[in-house]
Amino acid sequence: MAQLTTASLQQFKAPDAALRTLSRWAAQLRAEDIPCRVLKLAASQVLSQVASIRAGAEHPLGRRLMSAFGHPMQRDPRAAATVIAGLGSWLNLDDTAYAGHLSNSTVSVPLAYAYHRRLDGPALLTAVVAANECASRITASATLGPLRGQSAVHTHLAGAVVGRLHCEGAPARVWEHALSLAFAMPNWPLMRAFLASDARLLNTFTPVRTAMDACDAAQAGLQGASDILEHPDGFLASFASQPLPEAVTLGLGARWHTETLSFKMHPGGPGIDAAVDCAIELNEKMGPLRADEIESITVDASLYTLFAARRAAAYVEGPDSPLGALVLDVAYPVATALLTGSLSVHDFSAPLLDDPDRWKLAGLVELRHDRDMTRELFASEAPFGEAVRQAGTASSGWLRDFGGQELVDLVGPVAPDERDFAHSSKATGARVTVKLTDGRTVSRERLIPEGAAGPETRSQHSSLVRRKFLDLGGPHQVSDTVERLHRLSSRELRRWIEAGYLC
């Protein structure tokens, strides 16, 4: 990582500490300040994350997590928040945005505190949006760095602090110090543990617990360093190779990061979604196939998909592969979707995970780089494009570290344009081509995965997440009322939460 000088950081420094500005804005945010379209997205986000929590709780590893730390409905909201956050994160069914895997903290913590404090629907959604906006902005400021996606667990320090304190109606000075204290010792996960062990279940649990302690400390009068983000000895100096501190406060109240939400429709890393969508479409077109009828499978995708898959591939060796790596793999999910026409959380545990035909097909998958898809990836806002544009020519170092000089040349000249996010997209595309033993070749391509930020998701997010929730076993009385979430009374919301994830 490049060493940052005082001068290089000071050129970005805002007139006031970024956390102070952010805290003052978020503490005053009310439901009437938020555009209706943004509140509706937040309602879908809540239902989508509740579906993820249910899925995590039903998996054997999720049950072990609850055995260690308690049920999601336990009395202490601090403990409940950490368990809910842990259950919703590790199957990669959690929703993403520019920037960060937000929902694990920005939904989970408000759910725990809204239930405990008997808040109503508008209060819950306002806390979710406030948490989204703060967590995504801080994550964006460090996006051009070594941690990304679920490994950027510092997202949840901000999401958990804001989600809790908004529910509690805490004054801005408490927010400022709680955020400062939370970022005093930010978490840095080790990839070995993340991919090779059950520690993945704690990747959100741990920072959320840290955030709960920071809130308690700030409310007791402990003070943090308000300039902890942008100071030369602070967060960005260690977590960003190209810091973007201006992203923390840019366009507050006008530029809604919540509008960049992508909803996860399948378990697995976000880089595999389009490939799984294509495999499902191919199954629908060709009908049931046997593994011995397929000669080869080619997946063309962006550099983003290749990067994640190659990191995971070293740990994937059949049914005994660690789950942390398997959910980032491309071959097994694509093979499963081709054979079965779907991909569910049950496909990541026995007996389905032991199916030899799936692993035979997975061995046929060849992953290739598609330059056009990489170019489209960086033209979209999420997960990196907006950060690269905001950094302008200074992004070249990060691009070179990520993909070599080829990527720098491929992305080409960029410059900040301060666009809003009303038309944001996440183009993590893929093309799946299957060659059959009878000589036929069939192919499907998708640039924006189902549920990812884009025009289709903006118009259909409510129906998409209702389908996700029902497919994961959620009750109709919960999914059918999500569009009324912003009007639920405190009693109605309490019952809705109980029905939603009482597992």
Protein backbone atom coordinates (compact mmCIF):
# COMPACT_ATOMS: atom_id res chain seq x y z
CA MET A 1 0.00 0.00 0.00
CA ALA A 2 1.27 3.45 -0.90
CA GLN A 3 2.38 5.60 2.02
CA LEU A 4 0.17 8.67 2.46
CA THR A 5 1.78 11.97 3.42
CA THR A 6 0.15 14.63 5.53
CA ALA A 7 -0.06 16.88 2.49
CA SER A 8 -1.79 14.26 0.34
CA LEU A 9 -4.49 13.74 2.97
CA GLN A 10 -4.89 17.40 3.90
CA GLN A 11 -5.83 18.33 0.34
CA PHE A 12 -9.04 16.31 0.81
CA LYS A 13 -9.84 17.41 4.34
CA ALA A 14 -13.28 18.95 4.78
CA PRO A 15 -13.72 22.21 6.72
CA ASP A 16 -15.31 20.21 9.53
CA ALA A 17 -14.55 16.65 10.60
CA ALA A 18 -16.41 14.28 8.30
CA LEU A 19 -17.96 12.27 11.14
CA ARG A 20 -19.25 15.45 12.79
CA THR A 21 -20.98 16.57 9.60
CA LEU A 22 -22.37 13.10 8.95
CA SER A 23 -23.62 12.71 12.52
CA ARG A 24 -25.43 16.06 12.53
CA TRP A 25 -27.20 15.24 9.28
CA ALA A 26 -28.17 11.67 10.13
CA ALA A 27 -29.34 12.41 13.68
CA GLN A 28 -31.87 14.89 12.31
CA LEU A 29 -33.11 12.73 9.43
CA ARG A 30 -36.86 12.05 9.52
CA ALA A 31 -39.13 9.96 7.32
CA GLU A 32 -40.57 13.05 5.63
CA ASP A 33 -37.07 14.06 4.51
CA ILE A 34 -36.65 10.86 2.49
CA PRO A 35 -38.08 10.54 -1.04
CA CYS A 36 -40.87 7.99 -1.32
CA ARG A 37 -38.95 5.91 -3.86
CA VAL A 38 -36.07 5.60 -1.39
CA LEU A 39 -38.35 4.52 1.46
CA LYS A 40 -39.87 1.87 -0.80
CA LEU A 41 -36.42 0.54 -1.63
CA ALA A 42 -35.63 0.41 2.09
CA ALA A 43 -38.82 -1.57 2.74
CA SER A 44 -37.77 -4.12 0.12
CA GLN A 45 -34.32 -4.18 1.66
CA VAL A 46 -35.78 -5.04 5.06
CA LEU A 47 -37.82 -7.94 3.66
CA SER A 48 -34.87 -9.20 1.63
CA GLN A 49 -32.61 -9.21 4.67
CA VAL A 50 -35.22 -10.91 6.84
CA ALA A 51 -35.25 -13.65 4.20
CA SER A 52 -31.47 -13.91 4.51
CA ILE A 53 -31.70 -14.11 8.30
CA ARG A 54 -34.22 -16.95 8.04
CA ALA A 55 -31.96 -18.81 5.61
CA GLY A 56 -28.94 -18.40 7.87
CA ALA A 57 -30.87 -19.61 10.91
CA GLU A 58 -32.03 -22.77 9.15
CA HIS A 59 -28.56 -23.87 8.05
CA PRO A 60 -26.64 -26.17 10.45
CA LEU A 61 -23.91 -23.55 10.93
CA GLY A 62 -26.50 -20.91 11.71
CA ARG A 63 -27.99 -23.12 14.38
CA ARG A 64 -24.52 -23.45 15.93
CA LEU A 65 -24.19 -19.68 15.96
CA MET A 66 -27.49 -19.38 17.84
CA SER A 67 -26.41 -22.13 20.22
CA ALA A 68 -23.35 -20.05 21.09
CA PHE A 69 -24.89 -16.57 21.24
CA GLY A 70 -28.65 -16.90 21.56
CA HIS A 71 -31.84 -16.55 19.53
CA PRO A 72 -32.66 -13.49 17.35
CA MET A 73 -35.58 -12.70 19.65
CA GLN A 74 -33.58 -12.53 22.89
CA ARG A 75 -34.28 -9.68 25.29
CA ASP A 76 -30.99 -7.79 25.12
CA PRO A 77 -31.13 -5.82 21.85
CA ARG A 78 -27.33 -5.55 21.71
CA ALA A 79 -26.95 -9.33 21.74
CA ALA A 80 -29.93 -9.79 19.42
CA ALA A 81 -28.44 -7.35 16.92
CA THR A 82 -25.16 -9.26 16.71
CA VAL A 83 -26.89 -12.62 16.23
CA ILE A 84 -29.22 -11.24 13.56
CA ALA A 85 -26.27 -9.66 11.79
CA GLY A 86 -24.32 -12.91 11.84
CA LEU A 87 -27.20 -15.03 10.58
CA GLY A 88 -27.87 -12.80 7.60
CA SER A 89 -24.37 -12.44 6.25
CA TRP A 90 -22.41 -15.59 5.64
CA LEU A 91 -24.46 -17.26 2.85
CA ASN A 92 -23.96 -14.17 0.66
CA LEU A 93 -27.70 -13.55 0.48
CA ASP A 94 -27.18 -10.08 1.92
CA ASP A 95 -27.87 -6.99 -0.18
CA THR A 96 -25.17 -4.72 -1.52
CA ALA A 97 -24.89 -1.10 -2.64
CA TYR A 98 -22.37 1.52 -3.61
CA ALA A 99 -20.59 0.94 -1.43
CA GLY A 100 -20.62 -2.14 0.74
CA HIS A 101 -22.61 -5.16 1.91
CA LEU A 102 -24.92 -2.94 3.90
CA SER A 103 -27.92 -4.90 5.12
CA ASN A 104 -26.08 -7.10 7.61
CA SER A 105 -25.84 -4.09 9.90
CA THR A 106 -28.03 -1.36 8.41
CA VAL A 107 -31.13 -3.57 8.53
CA SER A 108 -30.27 -6.08 11.24
CA VAL A 109 -29.48 -3.58 13.99
CA PRO A 110 -32.55 -1.36 13.37
CA LEU A 111 -34.72 -4.50 13.40
CA ALA A 112 -33.40 -5.49 16.84
CA TYR A 113 -33.80 -2.00 18.29
CA ALA A 114 -37.14 -1.20 16.66
CA TYR A 115 -38.50 -4.40 18.18
CA HIS A 116 -37.00 -3.72 21.60
CA ARG A 117 -38.12 -0.08 21.72
CA ARG A 118 -41.54 -0.73 20.14
CA LEU A 119 -41.01 1.66 17.24
CA ASP A 120 -43.34 1.97 14.28
CA GLY A 121 -42.72 1.31 10.59
CA PRO A 122 -41.64 4.85 9.62
CA ALA A 123 -39.10 4.91 12.48
CA LEU A 124 -37.63 1.57 11.37
CA LEU A 125 -37.29 2.60 7.73
CA THR A 126 -35.78 5.97 8.62
CA ALA A 127 -33.16 4.25 10.78
CA VAL A 128 -32.38 1.85 7.91
CA VAL A 129 -31.96 4.68 5.40
CA ALA A 130 -29.81 6.71 7.81
CA ALA A 131 -27.62 3.66 8.42
CA ASN A 132 -27.40 2.94 4.68
CA GLU A 133 -26.32 6.47 3.87
CA CYS A 134 -23.67 6.68 6.57
CA ALA A 135 -22.23 3.18 6.14
CA SER A 136 -22.12 3.33 2.35
CA ARG A 137 -20.42 6.73 2.32
CA ILE A 138 -17.70 5.70 4.74
CA THR A 139 -17.20 2.46 2.81
CA ALA A 140 -17.01 4.44 -0.45
CA SER A 141 -14.24 6.59 0.99
CA ALA A 142 -12.07 3.47 1.32
CA THR A 143 -13.34 1.51 -1.70
CA LEU A 144 -10.05 2.05 -3.54
CA GLY A 145 -8.14 -0.05 -1.07
CA PRO A 146 -7.29 -3.68 -0.29
CA LEU A 147 -10.65 -4.63 1.29
CA ARG A 148 -13.86 -4.93 -0.70
CA GLY A 149 -17.22 -6.67 -0.58
CA GLN A 150 -17.77 -8.72 2.55
CA SER A 151 -14.13 -8.35 3.58
CA ALA A 152 -14.75 -4.61 4.09
CA VAL A 153 -16.25 -5.28 7.51
CA HIS A 154 -15.69 -1.67 8.61
CA THR A 155 -18.99 -1.02 6.79
CA HIS A 156 -20.75 -2.51 9.80
CA LEU A 157 -19.06 -0.32 12.37
CA ALA A 158 -20.92 2.61 10.82
CA GLY A 159 -24.11 0.75 9.93
CA ALA A 160 -24.54 -0.65 13.43
CA VAL A 161 -23.79 2.61 15.28
CA VAL A 162 -26.17 4.64 13.14
CA GLY A 163 -28.86 1.97 13.04
CA ARG A 164 -28.94 1.78 16.83
CA LEU A 165 -28.58 5.46 17.68
CA HIS A 166 -31.27 6.55 15.26
CA CYS A 167 -33.69 4.11 16.90
CA GLU A 168 -32.68 5.47 20.29
CA GLY A 169 -33.01 9.13 19.26
CA ALA A 170 -29.52 9.91 20.55
CA PRO A 171 -28.12 13.45 20.14
CA ALA A 172 -25.60 14.13 17.37
CA ARG A 173 -22.66 14.49 19.79
CA VAL A 174 -23.21 10.89 20.95
CA TRP A 175 -23.25 9.74 17.32
CA GLU A 176 -20.01 11.57 16.64
CA HIS A 177 -18.19 9.97 19.53
CA ALA A 178 -19.71 6.52 19.01
CA LEU A 179 -18.60 6.51 15.37
CA SER A 180 -15.18 7.84 16.33
CA LEU A 181 -14.73 5.17 18.98
CA ALA A 182 -15.96 2.40 16.66
CA PHE A 183 -13.38 3.39 14.05
CA ALA A 184 -10.59 3.62 16.62
CA MET A 185 -9.74 -0.08 16.10
CA PRO A 186 -11.41 -1.13 12.83
CA ASN A 187 -11.53 -4.82 11.98
CA TRP A 188 -9.27 -6.26 9.27
CA PRO A 189 -10.24 -9.85 8.35
CA LEU A 190 -7.63 -12.39 7.30
CA MET A 191 -8.51 -14.01 3.98
CA ARG A 192 -7.28 -17.40 5.14
CA ALA A 193 -9.83 -17.44 7.95
CA PHE A 194 -12.52 -15.89 5.74
CA LEU A 195 -12.26 -18.62 3.11
CA ALA A 196 -11.05 -21.67 5.01
CA SER A 197 -12.96 -21.73 8.29
CA ASP A 198 -16.27 -21.05 10.02
CA ALA A 199 -14.93 -17.63 11.03
CA ARG A 200 -16.94 -16.28 8.09
CA LEU A 201 -20.01 -16.49 10.35
CA LEU A 202 -18.40 -13.82 12.52
CA ASN A 203 -17.45 -11.38 9.75
CA THR A 204 -20.45 -9.17 10.58
CA PHE A 205 -21.09 -10.39 14.11
CA THR A 206 -17.73 -9.05 15.34
CA PRO A 207 -17.87 -5.46 14.00
CA VAL A 208 -21.51 -5.12 15.08
CA ARG A 209 -20.53 -6.15 18.60
CA THR A 210 -17.68 -3.60 18.50
CA ALA A 211 -20.19 -0.94 17.40
CA MET A 212 -22.54 -1.80 20.28
CA ASP A 213 -19.68 -1.28 22.74
CA ALA A 214 -18.82 2.03 21.08
CA CYS A 215 -22.42 3.23 21.51
CA ASP A 216 -22.42 2.26 25.18
CA ALA A 217 -19.09 4.00 25.72
CA ALA A 218 -20.19 7.21 23.99
CA GLN A 219 -23.43 7.31 25.97
CA ALA A 220 -21.38 6.96 29.15
CA GLY A 221 -19.30 10.00 28.15
CA LEU A 222 -16.23 8.51 26.49
CA GLN A 223 -14.96 10.63 23.60
CA GLY A 224 -13.39 9.71 20.30
CA ALA A 225 -11.32 11.60 17.72
CA SER A 226 -13.84 13.15 15.35
CA ASP A 227 -11.28 13.38 12.54
CA ILE A 228 -10.46 9.65 12.80
CA LEU A 229 -11.43 9.06 9.16
CA GLU A 230 -9.37 11.70 7.37
CA HIS A 231 -6.48 12.35 9.78
CA PRO A 232 -3.01 11.28 8.51
CA ASP A 233 -2.87 8.80 11.40
CA GLY A 234 -6.48 7.70 10.94
CA PHE A 235 -8.68 5.17 9.16
CA LEU A 236 -8.13 6.11 5.53
CA ALA A 237 -4.38 6.23 5.93
CA SER A 238 -4.47 2.50 6.74
CA PHE A 239 -7.50 1.27 4.79
CA ALA A 240 -7.34 3.15 1.46
CA SER A 241 -4.62 3.16 -1.15
CA GLN A 242 -6.44 6.12 -2.71
CA PRO A 243 -8.57 7.84 -0.05
CA LEU A 244 -11.83 9.58 -0.95
CA PRO A 245 -12.78 11.42 2.27
CA GLU A 246 -15.02 13.81 0.34
CA ALA A 247 -17.32 10.85 -0.41
CA VAL A 248 -18.42 10.79 3.24
CA THR A 249 -20.46 13.98 3.02
CA LEU A 250 -20.95 14.55 -0.71
CA GLY A 251 -24.57 15.33 -1.58
CA LEU A 252 -26.09 14.57 1.82
CA GLY A 253 -29.88 14.63 1.49
CA ALA A 254 -29.77 14.82 -2.30
CA ARG A 255 -27.61 11.90 -3.43
CA TRP A 256 -29.13 8.76 -1.93
CA HIS A 257 -26.80 5.78 -1.78
CA THR A 258 -29.86 3.65 -0.91
CA GLU A 259 -30.81 3.99 -4.58
CA THR A 260 -27.77 1.90 -5.53
CA LEU A 261 -29.13 -1.17 -3.71
CA SER A 262 -28.78 -4.58 -5.34
CA PHE A 263 -30.90 -7.43 -3.97
CA LYS A 264 -29.37 -10.90 -3.73
CA MET A 265 -31.64 -13.50 -5.31
CA HIS A 266 -29.24 -16.45 -4.98
CA PRO A 267 -26.74 -17.49 -2.32
CA GLY A 268 -23.15 -16.93 -3.35
CA GLY A 269 -20.80 -14.08 -4.09
CA PRO A 270 -22.17 -11.12 -6.08
CA GLY A 271 -19.79 -11.86 -8.93
CA ILE A 272 -21.57 -15.14 -9.74
CA ASP A 273 -25.16 -13.88 -9.91
CA ALA A 274 -25.38 -13.29 -13.66
CA ALA A 275 -23.76 -16.64 -14.41
CA VAL A 276 -26.29 -18.43 -12.20
CA ASP A 277 -29.14 -16.50 -13.86
CA CYS A 278 -27.87 -17.65 -17.26
CA ALA A 279 -27.53 -21.26 -16.11
CA ILE A 280 -31.12 -21.25 -14.83
CA GLU A 281 -32.34 -19.89 -18.18
CA LEU A 282 -30.42 -22.59 -20.02
CA ASN A 283 -31.99 -25.26 -17.85
CA GLU A 284 -35.43 -23.86 -18.69
CA LYS A 285 -34.58 -23.88 -22.41
CA MET A 286 -33.01 -27.35 -22.60
CA GLY A 287 -35.04 -29.14 -19.95
CA PRO A 288 -33.61 -31.73 -17.57
CA LEU A 289 -30.09 -32.79 -18.51
CA ARG A 290 -27.74 -35.48 -17.29
CA ALA A 291 -24.15 -34.61 -16.52
CA ASP A 292 -22.92 -37.04 -19.18
CA GLU A 293 -24.81 -35.08 -21.86
CA ILE A 294 -22.62 -31.99 -21.38
CA GLU A 295 -19.19 -31.76 -22.97
CA SER A 296 -18.05 -28.31 -21.80
CA ILE A 297 -19.22 -25.19 -19.95
CA THR A 298 -17.68 -21.78 -20.53
CA VAL A 299 -18.38 -18.74 -18.35
CA ASP A 300 -17.26 -15.39 -19.75
CA ALA A 301 -17.32 -12.64 -17.13
CA SER A 302 -15.69 -9.45 -15.92
CA LEU A 303 -12.43 -9.20 -14.06
CA TYR A 304 -14.42 -8.78 -10.83
CA THR A 305 -15.89 -12.29 -11.13
CA LEU A 306 -12.53 -13.78 -12.07
CA PHE A 307 -10.79 -12.10 -9.14
CA ALA A 308 -13.20 -13.51 -6.53
CA ALA A 309 -13.40 -16.94 -8.13
CA ARG A 310 -9.65 -17.38 -8.32
CA ARG A 311 -9.24 -16.48 -4.66
CA ALA A 312 -11.85 -19.09 -3.73
CA ALA A 313 -10.69 -21.79 -6.16
CA ALA A 314 -7.62 -22.65 -4.09
CA TYR A 315 -9.94 -23.77 -1.28
CA VAL A 316 -12.63 -25.60 -3.31
CA GLU A 317 -12.06 -29.35 -3.46
CA GLY A 318 -15.40 -31.09 -3.69
CA PRO A 319 -18.14 -31.62 -1.09
CA ASP A 320 -15.78 -31.07 1.84
CA SER A 321 -14.86 -27.56 0.68
CA PRO A 322 -15.19 -24.86 3.35
CA LEU A 323 -18.44 -22.97 2.94
CA GLY A 324 -16.63 -19.62 3.04
CA ALA A 325 -14.91 -20.47 -0.22
CA LEU A 326 -17.77 -22.40 -1.80
CA VAL A 327 -20.16 -19.43 -1.78
CA LEU A 328 -17.59 -17.44 -3.79
CA ASP A 329 -16.97 -20.23 -6.29
CA VAL A 330 -18.37 -20.04 -9.84
CA ALA A 331 -18.17 -23.65 -11.00
CA TYR A 332 -20.30 -25.42 -8.39
CA PRO A 333 -23.19 -22.90 -8.39
CA VAL A 334 -23.31 -22.81 -12.20
CA ALA A 335 -23.23 -26.61 -12.44
CA THR A 336 -26.00 -26.88 -9.84
CA ALA A 337 -28.20 -24.33 -11.60
CA LEU A 338 -27.71 -26.08 -14.96
CA LEU A 339 -28.74 -29.45 -13.55
CA THR A 340 -31.59 -28.33 -11.28
CA GLY A 341 -32.83 -25.01 -12.64
CA SER A 342 -32.25 -23.23 -9.32
CA LEU A 343 -29.70 -22.44 -6.60
CA SER A 344 -30.79 -22.44 -2.97
CA VAL A 345 -29.15 -22.47 0.43
CA HIS A 346 -29.86 -26.21 0.65
CA ASP A 347 -27.45 -26.75 -2.24
CA PHE A 348 -24.60 -25.76 0.10
CA SER A 349 -25.11 -28.56 2.59
CA ALA A 350 -25.53 -32.34 2.54
CA PRO A 351 -27.06 -34.32 0.96
CA LEU A 352 -27.34 -32.07 -2.13
CA LEU A 353 -23.75 -30.88 -1.80
CA ASP A 354 -22.58 -34.50 -2.10
CA ASP A 355 -24.13 -35.06 -5.54
CA PRO A 356 -21.29 -36.39 -7.77
CA ASP A 357 -22.94 -35.16 -10.97
CA ARG A 358 -22.71 -31.58 -9.77
CA TRP A 359 -19.02 -31.91 -9.09
CA LYS A 360 -18.44 -33.66 -12.40
CA LEU A 361 -20.04 -30.69 -14.18
CA ALA A 362 -18.20 -28.20 -11.99
CA GLY A 363 -14.96 -29.72 -13.24
CA LEU A 364 -15.97 -28.81 -16.81
CA VAL A 365 -16.44 -25.10 -16.11
CA GLU A 366 -13.90 -22.80 -17.75
CA LEU A 367 -13.84 -19.18 -16.63
CA ARG A 368 -12.70 -16.54 -19.13
CA HIS A 369 -12.23 -12.77 -19.05
CA ASP A 370 -14.56 -10.67 -21.18
CA ARG A 371 -13.07 -7.20 -21.71
CA ASP A 372 -16.40 -5.62 -22.68
CA MET A 373 -18.00 -6.82 -19.46
CA THR A 374 -15.13 -5.37 -17.44
CA ARG A 375 -15.57 -2.07 -19.25
CA GLU A 376 -19.30 -2.10 -18.46
CA LEU A 377 -18.54 -3.00 -14.84
CA PHE A 378 -16.46 0.13 -14.35
CA ALA A 379 -18.97 2.29 -16.23
CA SER A 380 -21.64 1.40 -13.64
CA GLU A 381 -21.77 2.91 -10.16
CA ALA A 382 -21.39 -0.28 -8.12
CA PRO A 383 -19.22 -1.81 -6.92
CA PHE A 384 -16.19 0.30 -8.01
CA GLY A 385 -17.09 2.55 -10.92
CA GLU A 386 -18.22 5.57 -8.95
CA ALA A 387 -15.11 5.47 -6.74
CA VAL A 388 -12.86 5.30 -9.78
CA ARG A 389 -14.62 8.28 -11.37
CA GLN A 390 -14.46 10.25 -8.16
CA ALA A 391 -10.72 9.63 -7.85
CA GLY A 392 -10.15 10.52 -11.51
CA THR A 393 -6.59 10.05 -12.72
CA ALA A 394 -5.51 9.20 -9.16
CA SER A 395 -7.37 5.88 -9.47
CA SER A 396 -4.77 4.46 -11.87
CA GLY A 397 -2.62 3.06 -9.07
CA TRP A 398 -5.49 1.11 -7.55
CA LEU A 399 -6.64 -0.10 -10.98
CA ARG A 400 -3.12 -1.30 -11.75
CA ASP A 401 -2.91 -3.19 -8.45
CA PHE A 402 -6.31 -4.78 -9.09
CA GLY A 403 -5.95 -5.75 -12.75
CA GLY A 404 -2.61 -4.61 -14.12
CA GLN A 405 -1.91 -2.04 -16.80
CA GLU A 406 -4.45 -3.79 -19.02
CA LEU A 407 -7.22 -2.65 -16.67
CA VAL A 408 -5.93 0.94 -16.58
CA ASP A 409 -6.00 1.01 -20.38
CA LEU A 410 -9.38 -0.70 -20.53
CA VAL A 411 -11.09 1.75 -18.17
CA GLY A 412 -9.47 4.72 -19.91
CA PRO A 413 -9.67 8.37 -18.81
CA VAL A 414 -12.14 9.03 -15.99
CA ALA A 415 -13.29 12.14 -14.17
CA PRO A 416 -15.79 12.89 -11.40
CA ASP A 417 -19.22 14.00 -12.57
CA GLU A 418 -21.15 14.09 -9.24
CA ARG A 419 -24.09 12.23 -10.80
CA ASP A 420 -26.95 11.34 -8.52
CA PHE A 421 -27.91 7.71 -8.08
CA ALA A 422 -31.47 7.73 -9.41
CA HIS A 423 -30.34 5.74 -12.46
CA SER A 424 -27.55 3.71 -10.89
CA SER A 425 -26.55 0.25 -12.05
CA LYS A 426 -24.38 -2.72 -11.13
CA ALA A 427 -23.22 -4.44 -14.30
CA THR A 428 -21.61 -7.67 -13.09
CA GLY A 429 -22.39 -9.56 -16.28
CA ALA A 430 -21.74 -13.09 -17.51
CA ARG A 431 -22.21 -15.32 -20.54
CA VAL A 432 -22.66 -19.06 -20.08
CA THR A 433 -22.09 -21.33 -23.08
CA VAL A 434 -22.84 -25.04 -22.90
CA LYS A 435 -21.64 -27.51 -25.52
CA LEU A 436 -23.55 -30.79 -25.53
CA THR A 437 -22.18 -34.17 -26.49
CA ASP A 438 -24.64 -34.33 -29.42
CA GLY A 439 -22.90 -31.32 -31.01
CA ARG A 440 -25.40 -28.62 -30.02
CA THR A 441 -24.20 -25.38 -28.40
CA VAL A 442 -26.48 -23.14 -26.37
CA SER A 443 -25.66 -19.83 -24.70
CA ARG A 444 -27.22 -17.15 -22.54
CA GLU A 445 -25.86 -13.73 -21.55
CA ARG A 446 -26.90 -11.20 -18.93
CA LEU A 447 -25.21 -7.87 -18.18
CA ILE A 448 -27.13 -6.94 -15.01
CA PRO A 449 -28.08 -9.88 -12.76
CA GLU A 450 -31.64 -10.29 -11.58
CA GLY A 451 -32.09 -8.07 -8.53
CA ALA A 452 -28.98 -5.97 -9.17
CA ALA A 453 -29.20 -2.19 -9.41
CA GLY A 454 -30.64 -1.18 -12.77
CA PRO A 455 -33.93 -0.26 -14.47
CA GLU A 456 -35.52 -3.70 -14.01
CA THR A 457 -34.86 -3.75 -10.28
CA ARG A 458 -36.04 -0.15 -9.80
CA SER A 459 -39.44 -1.07 -11.24
CA GLN A 460 -39.78 -4.57 -9.79
CA HIS A 461 -37.84 -4.68 -6.50
CA SER A 462 -40.91 -5.24 -4.36
CA SER A 463 -42.07 -8.31 -6.30
CA LEU A 464 -38.50 -9.63 -6.56
CA VAL A 465 -37.87 -9.61 -2.82
CA ARG A 466 -41.32 -11.02 -2.07
CA ARG A 467 -40.42 -13.98 -4.27
CA LYS A 468 -37.08 -14.34 -2.51
CA PHE A 469 -38.75 -14.27 0.91
CA LEU A 470 -41.39 -16.85 -0.03
CA ASP A 471 -38.84 -19.12 -1.74
CA LEU A 472 -36.90 -19.18 1.54
CA GLY A 473 -39.96 -20.30 3.48
CA GLY A 474 -41.26 -16.96 4.75
CA PRO A 475 -44.99 -16.59 5.50
CA HIS A 476 -47.33 -14.75 3.11
CA GLN A 477 -48.67 -12.44 5.84
CA VAL A 478 -45.20 -10.90 6.08
CA SER A 479 -44.40 -10.59 2.36
CA ASP A 480 -47.89 -9.33 1.49
CA THR A 481 -47.63 -6.39 3.90
CA VAL A 482 -44.13 -5.15 3.03
CA GLU A 483 -45.51 -2.32 0.87
CA ARG A 484 -47.33 -1.09 3.99
CA LEU A 485 -44.22 -1.17 6.15
CA HIS A 486 -43.98 2.62 6.17
CA ARG A 487 -47.48 2.79 7.67
CA LEU A 488 -47.30 0.04 10.30
CA SER A 489 -47.99 0.99 13.90
CA SER A 490 -45.61 -0.08 16.63
CA ARG A 491 -47.81 -3.06 17.52
CA GLU A 492 -48.15 -4.10 13.89
CA LEU A 493 -44.42 -3.80 13.29
CA ARG A 494 -43.65 -5.90 16.35
CA ARG A 495 -45.90 -8.69 15.11
CA TRP A 496 -44.46 -8.37 11.59
CA ILE A 497 -40.90 -8.84 12.90
CA GLU A 498 -41.91 -11.82 15.02
CA ALA A 499 -43.59 -13.51 12.06
CA GLY A 500 -40.71 -12.61 9.76
CA TYR A 501 -37.77 -14.27 11.45
CA LEU A 502 -39.12 -16.26 14.36
CA CYS A 503 -37.35 -19.50 13.39
